[in-house]
């Protein structure tokens, strides 16, 4: 089992730059906390920053990292999952500025017998002054109670029992 914090890429089986999170910071029974840093070379970068709608994918990848971490702890490979939709996703900003550390928190609200999962989550800016003000440290797992999220919303995800591939394997 990986120790925390750990890189997200081995836990989330995405290719060609689609793994958008940098590290998994905390894993709980009911959710996880992950981080990313907004970069100018990001797959979805625009001249002014990362569009706020990318936060939906960050939330989904945080759930995938949570599931991948739990799979690794059981000696299994990460399983594929699908983002079915987002509800009530609201961002306070149209874009996330470059070179900003973003903390992504997700909570698993329920998992149905058929693999459909409902998740709620939020995105927080972790800035140098916030780290000093709240003494939250480099790899802190708790957000200050008065921290206001940059964005929040709910996702519906699906984890199929098996996922067909292009090569039939």
N, C-alpha and C. Protein backbone atom coordinates (compact mmCIF):
# COMPACT_ATOMS: atom_id res chain seq x y z
N UNK A 1 0.85 -1.18 0.00
CA UNK A 1 0.00 0.00 0.00
C UNK A 1 0.90 1.24 0.00
N UNK A 2 0.58 2.21 -0.85
CA UNK A 2 1.38 3.44 -0.87
C UNK A 2 1.20 4.22 0.43
N UNK A 3 2.25 4.95 0.80
CA UNK A 3 2.11 5.83 1.96
C UNK A 3 1.68 7.20 1.47
N UNK A 4 1.04 7.94 2.34
CA UNK A 4 0.51 9.26 1.98
C UNK A 4 1.41 10.36 2.49
N UNK A 5 1.51 11.47 1.79
CA UNK A 5 0.96 11.72 0.46
C UNK A 5 1.68 10.89 -0.60
N UNK A 6 0.98 10.62 -1.69
CA UNK A 6 1.57 9.83 -2.78
C UNK A 6 1.11 10.39 -4.12
N UNK A 7 1.87 10.10 -5.19
CA UNK A 7 1.46 10.55 -6.52
C UNK A 7 0.13 9.90 -6.93
N UNK A 8 -0.67 10.64 -7.67
CA UNK A 8 -1.97 10.14 -8.11
C UNK A 8 -1.84 9.27 -9.35
N UNK A 9 -0.90 9.56 -10.24
CA UNK A 9 -0.81 8.87 -11.53
C UNK A 9 -0.87 7.34 -11.45
N UNK A 10 -0.17 6.68 -10.52
CA UNK A 10 -0.26 5.22 -10.48
C UNK A 10 -1.65 4.71 -10.04
N UNK A 11 -2.43 5.57 -9.41
CA UNK A 11 -3.73 5.17 -8.88
C UNK A 11 -4.87 5.43 -9.86
N UNK A 12 -4.64 6.29 -10.83
CA UNK A 12 -5.68 6.70 -11.78
C UNK A 12 -5.19 6.36 -13.18
N UNK A 13 -5.73 5.31 -13.79
CA UNK A 13 -5.21 4.84 -15.08
C UNK A 13 -5.65 5.70 -16.26
N UNK A 14 -5.06 6.89 -16.39
CA UNK A 14 -5.32 7.77 -17.52
C UNK A 14 -4.06 7.89 -18.36
N UNK A 15 -4.23 8.16 -19.63
CA UNK A 15 -3.09 8.27 -20.54
C UNK A 15 -3.00 9.68 -21.11
N UNK A 16 -1.85 9.97 -21.71
CA UNK A 16 -1.61 11.19 -22.48
C UNK A 16 -1.97 12.48 -21.75
N UNK A 17 -1.50 12.63 -20.55
CA UNK A 17 -1.69 13.87 -19.83
C UNK A 17 -3.04 14.06 -19.18
N UNK A 18 -3.90 13.04 -19.20
CA UNK A 18 -5.24 13.19 -18.62
C UNK A 18 -5.27 13.03 -17.10
N UNK A 19 -4.20 12.52 -16.49
CA UNK A 19 -4.17 12.50 -15.03
C UNK A 19 -3.84 13.92 -14.59
N UNK A 20 -4.83 14.61 -14.05
CA UNK A 20 -4.71 16.05 -13.78
C UNK A 20 -4.32 16.38 -12.34
N UNK A 21 -4.34 15.40 -11.46
CA UNK A 21 -4.00 15.64 -10.05
C UNK A 21 -2.55 15.23 -9.79
N UNK A 22 -1.92 15.90 -8.84
CA UNK A 22 -0.52 15.59 -8.54
C UNK A 22 -0.36 14.61 -7.39
N UNK A 23 -1.08 14.83 -6.28
CA UNK A 23 -0.88 13.94 -5.14
C UNK A 23 -2.17 13.68 -4.38
N UNK A 24 -2.21 12.50 -3.80
CA UNK A 24 -3.28 12.11 -2.89
C UNK A 24 -2.75 12.38 -1.49
N UNK A 25 -3.47 13.20 -0.74
CA UNK A 25 -3.00 13.66 0.57
C UNK A 25 -3.58 12.84 1.71
N UNK A 26 -4.86 12.50 1.59
CA UNK A 26 -5.55 11.80 2.67
C UNK A 26 -6.58 10.84 2.09
N UNK A 27 -6.72 9.69 2.73
CA UNK A 27 -7.76 8.73 2.37
C UNK A 27 -8.53 8.42 3.64
N UNK A 28 -9.84 8.55 3.54
CA UNK A 28 -10.74 8.21 4.65
C UNK A 28 -11.68 7.11 4.18
N UNK A 29 -12.37 6.50 5.07
CA UNK A 29 -13.34 5.47 4.70
C UNK A 29 -14.36 6.03 3.70
N UNK A 30 -14.77 7.27 3.92
CA UNK A 30 -15.85 7.85 3.12
C UNK A 30 -15.38 8.89 2.10
N UNK A 31 -14.07 8.99 1.86
CA UNK A 31 -13.62 9.97 0.87
C UNK A 31 -12.13 10.19 0.89
N UNK A 32 -11.72 11.29 0.26
CA UNK A 32 -10.29 11.55 0.12
C UNK A 32 -10.03 13.04 -0.09
N UNK A 33 -8.77 13.39 0.04
CA UNK A 33 -8.28 14.73 -0.25
C UNK A 33 -7.09 14.59 -1.18
N UNK A 34 -7.11 15.34 -2.28
CA UNK A 34 -6.03 15.31 -3.26
C UNK A 34 -5.64 16.75 -3.59
N UNK A 35 -4.57 16.89 -4.34
CA UNK A 35 -4.11 18.22 -4.73
C UNK A 35 -3.64 18.22 -6.17
N UNK A 36 -3.67 19.41 -6.72
CA UNK A 36 -3.07 19.67 -8.02
C UNK A 36 -2.48 21.07 -8.00
N UNK A 37 -1.61 21.34 -8.94
CA UNK A 37 -1.08 22.69 -9.12
C UNK A 37 -1.41 23.08 -10.55
N UNK A 38 -2.05 24.22 -10.72
CA UNK A 38 -2.44 24.68 -12.05
C UNK A 38 -1.20 25.14 -12.81
N UNK A 39 -1.03 24.59 -14.00
CA UNK A 39 0.18 24.86 -14.78
C UNK A 39 -0.17 25.36 -16.18
N UNK A 40 0.71 26.15 -16.74
CA UNK A 40 0.51 26.69 -18.08
C UNK A 40 0.56 25.60 -19.15
N UNK A 41 1.22 24.47 -18.84
CA UNK A 41 1.31 23.38 -19.81
C UNK A 41 0.22 22.32 -19.58
N UNK A 42 -0.74 22.62 -18.73
CA UNK A 42 -1.85 21.70 -18.47
C UNK A 42 -2.63 21.46 -19.77
N UNK A 43 -3.15 20.27 -19.91
CA UNK A 43 -3.90 19.89 -21.09
C UNK A 43 -5.04 20.86 -21.41
N UNK A 44 -5.69 21.43 -20.38
CA UNK A 44 -6.84 22.30 -20.58
C UNK A 44 -6.52 23.78 -20.37
N UNK A 45 -5.25 24.13 -20.28
CA UNK A 45 -4.86 25.52 -20.03
C UNK A 45 -5.33 26.43 -21.16
N UNK A 46 -5.83 27.59 -20.76
CA UNK A 46 -6.17 28.67 -21.67
C UNK A 46 -5.30 29.86 -21.29
N UNK A 47 -5.28 30.91 -22.08
CA UNK A 47 -4.38 32.03 -21.77
C UNK A 47 -4.53 32.61 -20.36
N UNK A 48 -5.76 32.62 -19.82
CA UNK A 48 -5.99 33.23 -18.50
C UNK A 48 -5.89 32.25 -17.34
N UNK A 49 -5.83 30.95 -17.60
CA UNK A 49 -5.78 29.97 -16.52
C UNK A 49 -6.48 28.68 -16.92
N UNK A 50 -6.85 27.91 -15.92
CA UNK A 50 -7.56 26.64 -16.14
C UNK A 50 -9.05 26.92 -15.99
N UNK A 51 -9.86 26.63 -17.00
CA UNK A 51 -11.30 26.90 -16.90
C UNK A 51 -11.92 26.21 -15.69
N UNK A 52 -12.85 26.88 -15.05
CA UNK A 52 -13.47 26.37 -13.83
C UNK A 52 -14.16 25.03 -14.04
N UNK A 53 -14.65 24.76 -15.25
CA UNK A 53 -15.34 23.49 -15.50
C UNK A 53 -14.41 22.29 -15.36
N UNK A 54 -13.10 22.50 -15.45
CA UNK A 54 -12.13 21.40 -15.26
C UNK A 54 -12.22 20.87 -13.83
N UNK A 55 -12.72 21.67 -12.92
CA UNK A 55 -12.90 21.22 -11.53
C UNK A 55 -13.77 19.99 -11.41
N UNK A 56 -14.72 19.82 -12.32
CA UNK A 56 -15.56 18.61 -12.30
C UNK A 56 -14.68 17.38 -12.50
N UNK A 57 -13.75 17.45 -13.44
CA UNK A 57 -12.84 16.33 -13.67
C UNK A 57 -11.90 16.13 -12.48
N UNK A 58 -11.45 17.22 -11.85
CA UNK A 58 -10.61 17.08 -10.65
C UNK A 58 -11.35 16.32 -9.56
N UNK A 59 -12.63 16.64 -9.37
CA UNK A 59 -13.42 15.92 -8.37
C UNK A 59 -13.51 14.44 -8.72
N UNK A 60 -13.79 14.15 -10.00
CA UNK A 60 -13.90 12.76 -10.43
C UNK A 60 -12.58 12.02 -10.25
N UNK A 61 -11.46 12.67 -10.58
CA UNK A 61 -10.17 12.02 -10.42
C UNK A 61 -9.79 11.83 -8.96
N UNK A 62 -10.26 12.70 -8.08
CA UNK A 62 -10.01 12.49 -6.65
C UNK A 62 -10.72 11.22 -6.18
N UNK A 63 -11.93 10.99 -6.69
CA UNK A 63 -12.65 9.75 -6.36
C UNK A 63 -11.90 8.55 -6.94
N UNK A 64 -11.41 8.68 -8.18
CA UNK A 64 -10.65 7.59 -8.79
C UNK A 64 -9.38 7.29 -8.00
N UNK A 65 -8.72 8.34 -7.50
CA UNK A 65 -7.51 8.14 -6.69
C UNK A 65 -7.87 7.42 -5.38
N UNK A 66 -8.99 7.81 -4.77
CA UNK A 66 -9.47 7.14 -3.55
C UNK A 66 -9.68 5.66 -3.84
N UNK A 67 -10.40 5.34 -4.92
CA UNK A 67 -10.67 3.95 -5.27
C UNK A 67 -9.38 3.21 -5.62
N UNK A 68 -8.47 3.87 -6.35
CA UNK A 68 -7.19 3.27 -6.71
C UNK A 68 -6.34 2.97 -5.49
N UNK A 69 -6.35 3.87 -4.52
CA UNK A 69 -5.59 3.66 -3.29
C UNK A 69 -6.15 2.45 -2.53
N UNK A 70 -7.47 2.39 -2.44
CA UNK A 70 -8.10 1.25 -1.75
C UNK A 70 -7.84 -0.06 -2.48
N UNK A 71 -7.83 -0.01 -3.81
CA UNK A 71 -7.52 -1.22 -4.59
C UNK A 71 -6.08 -1.65 -4.34
N UNK A 72 -5.14 -0.68 -4.37
CA UNK A 72 -3.73 -1.00 -4.11
C UNK A 72 -3.54 -1.59 -2.72
N UNK A 73 -4.29 -1.09 -1.75
CA UNK A 73 -4.19 -1.62 -0.38
C UNK A 73 -4.65 -3.08 -0.32
N UNK A 74 -5.49 -3.48 -1.27
CA UNK A 74 -5.98 -4.86 -1.34
C UNK A 74 -5.20 -5.70 -2.34
N UNK A 75 -4.15 -5.12 -2.93
CA UNK A 75 -3.34 -5.84 -3.90
C UNK A 75 -3.96 -5.93 -5.28
N UNK A 76 -4.93 -5.07 -5.56
CA UNK A 76 -5.61 -5.09 -6.86
C UNK A 76 -5.18 -3.91 -7.71
N UNK A 77 -5.44 -4.01 -9.00
CA UNK A 77 -5.18 -2.90 -9.92
C UNK A 77 -6.34 -1.92 -9.87
N UNK A 78 -6.10 -0.66 -10.20
CA UNK A 78 -7.21 0.31 -10.25
C UNK A 78 -8.25 -0.13 -11.27
N UNK A 79 -9.51 0.00 -10.92
CA UNK A 79 -10.61 -0.36 -11.83
C UNK A 79 -11.11 0.87 -12.57
N UNK A 80 -11.59 0.69 -13.79
CA UNK A 80 -12.12 1.85 -14.53
C UNK A 80 -13.45 2.31 -13.94
N UNK A 81 -13.72 3.57 -14.14
CA UNK A 81 -14.98 4.15 -13.71
C UNK A 81 -15.39 5.22 -14.71
N UNK A 82 -16.65 5.58 -14.68
CA UNK A 82 -17.18 6.56 -15.63
C UNK A 82 -17.86 7.71 -14.89
N UNK A 83 -17.62 8.91 -15.35
CA UNK A 83 -18.33 10.08 -14.85
C UNK A 83 -19.63 10.19 -15.64
N UNK A 84 -20.75 10.02 -14.95
CA UNK A 84 -22.05 10.09 -15.62
C UNK A 84 -22.60 11.51 -15.67
N UNK A 85 -22.31 12.31 -14.64
CA UNK A 85 -22.84 13.67 -14.65
C UNK A 85 -22.47 14.44 -13.41
N UNK A 86 -22.68 15.74 -13.48
CA UNK A 86 -22.43 16.65 -12.36
C UNK A 86 -23.71 17.40 -12.06
N UNK A 87 -23.96 17.60 -10.76
CA UNK A 87 -25.13 18.38 -10.34
C UNK A 87 -24.66 19.52 -9.44
N UNK A 88 -25.30 20.65 -9.63
CA UNK A 88 -25.04 21.81 -8.78
C UNK A 88 -23.55 22.16 -8.66
N UNK A 89 -22.79 21.98 -9.73
CA UNK A 89 -21.39 22.41 -9.71
C UNK A 89 -21.37 23.91 -9.89
N UNK A 90 -20.83 24.60 -8.91
CA UNK A 90 -20.75 26.06 -8.93
C UNK A 90 -19.34 26.49 -8.59
N UNK A 91 -18.80 27.37 -9.40
CA UNK A 91 -17.47 27.92 -9.15
C UNK A 91 -17.59 29.42 -8.88
N UNK A 92 -16.79 29.90 -7.96
CA UNK A 92 -16.77 31.34 -7.65
C UNK A 92 -15.94 32.13 -8.65
N UNK A 93 -15.13 31.43 -9.44
CA UNK A 93 -14.25 32.08 -10.41
C UNK A 93 -14.43 31.42 -11.77
N UNK A 94 -14.25 32.16 -12.87
CA UNK A 94 -14.39 31.54 -14.19
C UNK A 94 -13.18 30.69 -14.57
N UNK A 95 -12.01 31.04 -14.04
CA UNK A 95 -10.78 30.28 -14.30
C UNK A 95 -9.98 30.18 -13.00
N UNK A 96 -9.19 29.12 -12.90
CA UNK A 96 -8.26 28.97 -11.78
C UNK A 96 -6.92 29.52 -12.25
N UNK A 97 -6.37 30.46 -11.49
CA UNK A 97 -5.11 31.09 -11.87
C UNK A 97 -3.99 30.06 -11.97
N UNK A 98 -2.99 30.36 -12.79
CA UNK A 98 -1.83 29.49 -12.92
C UNK A 98 -0.99 29.53 -11.64
N UNK A 99 -0.25 28.45 -11.43
CA UNK A 99 0.67 28.30 -10.30
C UNK A 99 -0.06 28.34 -8.97
N UNK A 100 -1.28 27.89 -8.96
CA UNK A 100 -2.09 27.87 -7.74
C UNK A 100 -2.23 26.41 -7.29
N UNK A 101 -2.00 26.20 -6.01
CA UNK A 101 -2.20 24.87 -5.44
C UNK A 101 -3.67 24.74 -5.07
N UNK A 102 -4.31 23.69 -5.59
CA UNK A 102 -5.74 23.46 -5.36
C UNK A 102 -5.89 22.17 -4.56
N UNK A 103 -6.63 22.24 -3.49
CA UNK A 103 -6.95 21.06 -2.69
C UNK A 103 -8.36 20.61 -3.06
N UNK A 104 -8.49 19.33 -3.36
CA UNK A 104 -9.76 18.74 -3.78
C UNK A 104 -10.21 17.78 -2.69
N UNK A 105 -11.39 18.01 -2.14
CA UNK A 105 -11.94 17.09 -1.14
C UNK A 105 -13.19 16.45 -1.71
N UNK A 106 -13.31 15.14 -1.51
CA UNK A 106 -14.49 14.42 -1.97
C UNK A 106 -15.01 13.53 -0.85
N UNK A 107 -16.33 13.41 -0.80
CA UNK A 107 -17.00 12.53 0.15
C UNK A 107 -17.94 11.63 -0.61
N UNK A 108 -17.85 10.34 -0.36
CA UNK A 108 -18.73 9.38 -1.01
C UNK A 108 -20.05 9.41 -0.24
N UNK A 109 -21.11 9.87 -0.89
CA UNK A 109 -22.41 9.99 -0.23
C UNK A 109 -23.14 8.65 -0.20
N UNK A 110 -23.12 7.92 -1.30
CA UNK A 110 -23.67 6.56 -1.30
C UNK A 110 -23.19 5.79 -2.53
N UNK A 111 -23.18 4.47 -2.39
CA UNK A 111 -22.86 3.57 -3.50
C UNK A 111 -24.01 2.59 -3.63
N UNK A 112 -24.66 2.57 -4.78
CA UNK A 112 -25.77 1.65 -5.02
C UNK A 112 -25.23 0.26 -5.38
N UNK A 113 -26.07 -0.72 -5.26
CA UNK A 113 -25.69 -2.10 -5.58
C UNK A 113 -25.24 -2.27 -7.03
N UNK A 114 -25.74 -1.42 -7.92
CA UNK A 114 -25.39 -1.54 -9.34
C UNK A 114 -24.11 -0.79 -9.72
N UNK A 115 -23.42 -0.21 -8.73
CA UNK A 115 -22.16 0.48 -8.99
C UNK A 115 -22.28 1.98 -9.19
N UNK A 116 -23.50 2.51 -9.21
CA UNK A 116 -23.68 3.96 -9.32
C UNK A 116 -23.33 4.59 -7.97
N UNK A 117 -22.53 5.63 -8.03
CA UNK A 117 -22.03 6.28 -6.82
C UNK A 117 -22.33 7.77 -6.86
N UNK A 118 -22.79 8.30 -5.74
CA UNK A 118 -23.02 9.75 -5.61
C UNK A 118 -21.93 10.32 -4.71
N UNK A 119 -21.32 11.41 -5.17
CA UNK A 119 -20.19 12.02 -4.48
C UNK A 119 -20.41 13.52 -4.37
N UNK A 120 -20.00 14.09 -3.25
CA UNK A 120 -19.98 15.56 -3.13
C UNK A 120 -18.54 15.98 -2.91
N UNK A 121 -18.22 17.17 -3.40
CA UNK A 121 -16.83 17.61 -3.27
C UNK A 121 -16.69 19.11 -3.38
N UNK A 122 -15.47 19.56 -3.05
CA UNK A 122 -15.17 20.99 -3.11
C UNK A 122 -13.70 21.19 -3.46
N UNK A 123 -13.41 22.36 -4.03
CA UNK A 123 -12.06 22.75 -4.40
C UNK A 123 -11.67 23.98 -3.59
N UNK A 124 -10.47 23.96 -3.04
CA UNK A 124 -9.98 25.06 -2.22
C UNK A 124 -8.63 25.54 -2.74
N UNK A 125 -8.41 26.85 -2.73
CA UNK A 125 -7.11 27.41 -3.07
C UNK A 125 -6.23 27.33 -1.83
N UNK A 126 -5.06 26.76 -2.00
CA UNK A 126 -4.09 26.70 -0.90
C UNK A 126 -2.97 27.64 -1.31
N UNK A 127 -2.92 28.77 -0.68
CA UNK A 127 -1.93 29.77 -1.02
C UNK A 127 -0.95 29.93 0.13
N UNK A 128 0.20 30.50 -0.18
CA UNK A 128 1.24 30.66 0.83
C UNK A 128 0.71 31.37 2.07
N UNK A 129 -0.03 32.44 1.89
CA UNK A 129 -0.53 33.17 3.07
C UNK A 129 -1.53 32.32 3.86
N UNK A 130 -2.30 31.47 3.16
CA UNK A 130 -3.24 30.59 3.87
C UNK A 130 -2.50 29.54 4.66
N UNK A 131 -1.41 29.02 4.08
CA UNK A 131 -0.62 28.02 4.79
C UNK A 131 -0.06 28.63 6.07
N UNK A 132 0.44 29.88 5.98
CA UNK A 132 0.99 30.53 7.16
C UNK A 132 -0.11 30.92 8.15
N UNK A 133 -1.22 31.49 7.65
CA UNK A 133 -2.30 31.95 8.52
C UNK A 133 -2.90 30.81 9.33
N UNK A 134 -3.13 29.68 8.67
CA UNK A 134 -3.80 28.57 9.34
C UNK A 134 -2.82 27.50 9.83
N UNK A 135 -1.52 27.70 9.57
CA UNK A 135 -0.50 26.74 9.97
C UNK A 135 -0.89 25.34 9.52
N UNK A 136 -1.27 25.22 8.24
CA UNK A 136 -1.74 23.92 7.76
C UNK A 136 -0.63 23.07 7.17
N UNK A 137 0.57 23.63 7.00
CA UNK A 137 1.71 22.82 6.59
C UNK A 137 1.67 22.37 5.14
N UNK A 138 2.79 21.79 4.72
CA UNK A 138 2.96 21.39 3.32
C UNK A 138 1.99 20.29 2.91
N UNK A 139 1.75 19.32 3.76
CA UNK A 139 0.90 18.18 3.41
C UNK A 139 -0.26 18.05 4.37
N UNK A 140 -0.82 19.16 4.81
CA UNK A 140 -1.92 19.11 5.76
C UNK A 140 -3.13 18.41 5.16
N UNK A 141 -3.91 17.78 6.01
CA UNK A 141 -5.09 17.08 5.52
C UNK A 141 -6.38 17.79 5.88
N UNK A 142 -6.36 18.72 6.79
CA UNK A 142 -7.59 19.40 7.21
C UNK A 142 -7.60 20.82 6.67
N UNK A 143 -8.76 21.24 6.22
CA UNK A 143 -8.94 22.62 5.78
C UNK A 143 -9.45 23.43 6.96
N UNK A 144 -9.07 24.69 7.04
CA UNK A 144 -9.63 25.53 8.09
C UNK A 144 -11.15 25.59 7.95
N UNK A 145 -11.86 25.64 9.05
CA UNK A 145 -13.32 25.63 9.01
C UNK A 145 -13.91 26.80 8.24
N UNK A 146 -13.21 27.95 8.24
CA UNK A 146 -13.75 29.12 7.56
C UNK A 146 -13.26 29.26 6.12
N UNK A 147 -12.56 28.26 5.60
CA UNK A 147 -12.10 28.32 4.21
C UNK A 147 -13.31 28.22 3.29
N UNK A 148 -13.38 29.14 2.34
CA UNK A 148 -14.49 29.14 1.38
C UNK A 148 -14.03 28.45 0.11
N UNK A 149 -14.79 27.47 -0.37
CA UNK A 149 -14.35 26.75 -1.57
C UNK A 149 -14.39 27.63 -2.82
N UNK A 150 -13.46 27.35 -3.73
CA UNK A 150 -13.49 27.99 -5.05
C UNK A 150 -14.64 27.43 -5.87
N UNK A 151 -14.94 26.16 -5.63
CA UNK A 151 -16.03 25.49 -6.35
C UNK A 151 -16.50 24.31 -5.53
N UNK A 152 -17.75 23.90 -5.78
CA UNK A 152 -18.29 22.70 -5.14
C UNK A 152 -19.39 22.13 -6.00
N UNK A 153 -19.67 20.85 -5.78
CA UNK A 153 -20.72 20.21 -6.54
C UNK A 153 -20.84 18.74 -6.20
N UNK A 154 -21.75 18.09 -6.88
CA UNK A 154 -22.00 16.66 -6.70
C UNK A 154 -21.80 15.95 -8.04
N UNK A 155 -21.28 14.74 -7.97
CA UNK A 155 -21.07 13.93 -9.16
C UNK A 155 -21.81 12.62 -9.04
N UNK A 156 -22.20 12.09 -10.18
CA UNK A 156 -22.71 10.73 -10.26
C UNK A 156 -21.70 9.95 -11.09
N UNK A 157 -21.22 8.86 -10.52
CA UNK A 157 -20.19 8.04 -11.14
C UNK A 157 -20.70 6.61 -11.28
N UNK A 158 -20.04 5.85 -12.12
CA UNK A 158 -20.42 4.45 -12.31
C UNK A 158 -19.16 3.61 -12.44
N UNK A 159 -19.13 2.54 -11.69
CA UNK A 159 -18.02 1.58 -11.78
C UNK A 159 -18.59 0.26 -12.28
N UNK A 160 -18.37 -0.03 -13.58
CA UNK A 160 -18.91 -1.27 -14.13
C UNK A 160 -18.15 -2.48 -13.61
N UNK A 161 -18.82 -3.62 -13.62
CA UNK A 161 -18.17 -4.86 -13.20
C UNK A 161 -17.03 -5.22 -14.16
N UNK A 162 -17.20 -4.90 -15.44
CA UNK A 162 -16.16 -5.14 -16.44
C UNK A 162 -16.25 -4.02 -17.48
N UNK A 163 -15.12 -3.68 -18.05
CA UNK A 163 -15.07 -2.61 -19.04
C UNK A 163 -14.46 -3.16 -20.33
N UNK A 164 -15.24 -3.17 -21.43
CA UNK A 164 -14.67 -3.65 -22.69
C UNK A 164 -13.59 -2.70 -23.18
N UNK A 165 -12.63 -3.24 -23.90
CA UNK A 165 -11.56 -2.42 -24.47
C UNK A 165 -11.60 -2.54 -25.98
N UNK A 166 -10.86 -1.67 -26.66
CA UNK A 166 -10.82 -1.68 -28.11
C UNK A 166 -10.22 -2.96 -28.68
N UNK A 167 -9.25 -3.52 -27.96
CA UNK A 167 -8.60 -4.73 -28.47
C UNK A 167 -9.31 -6.00 -28.01
N UNK A 168 -10.45 -5.87 -27.35
CA UNK A 168 -11.24 -7.03 -26.94
C UNK A 168 -10.76 -7.71 -25.67
N UNK A 169 -9.71 -7.23 -25.06
CA UNK A 169 -9.18 -7.87 -23.83
C UNK A 169 -10.00 -7.51 -22.63
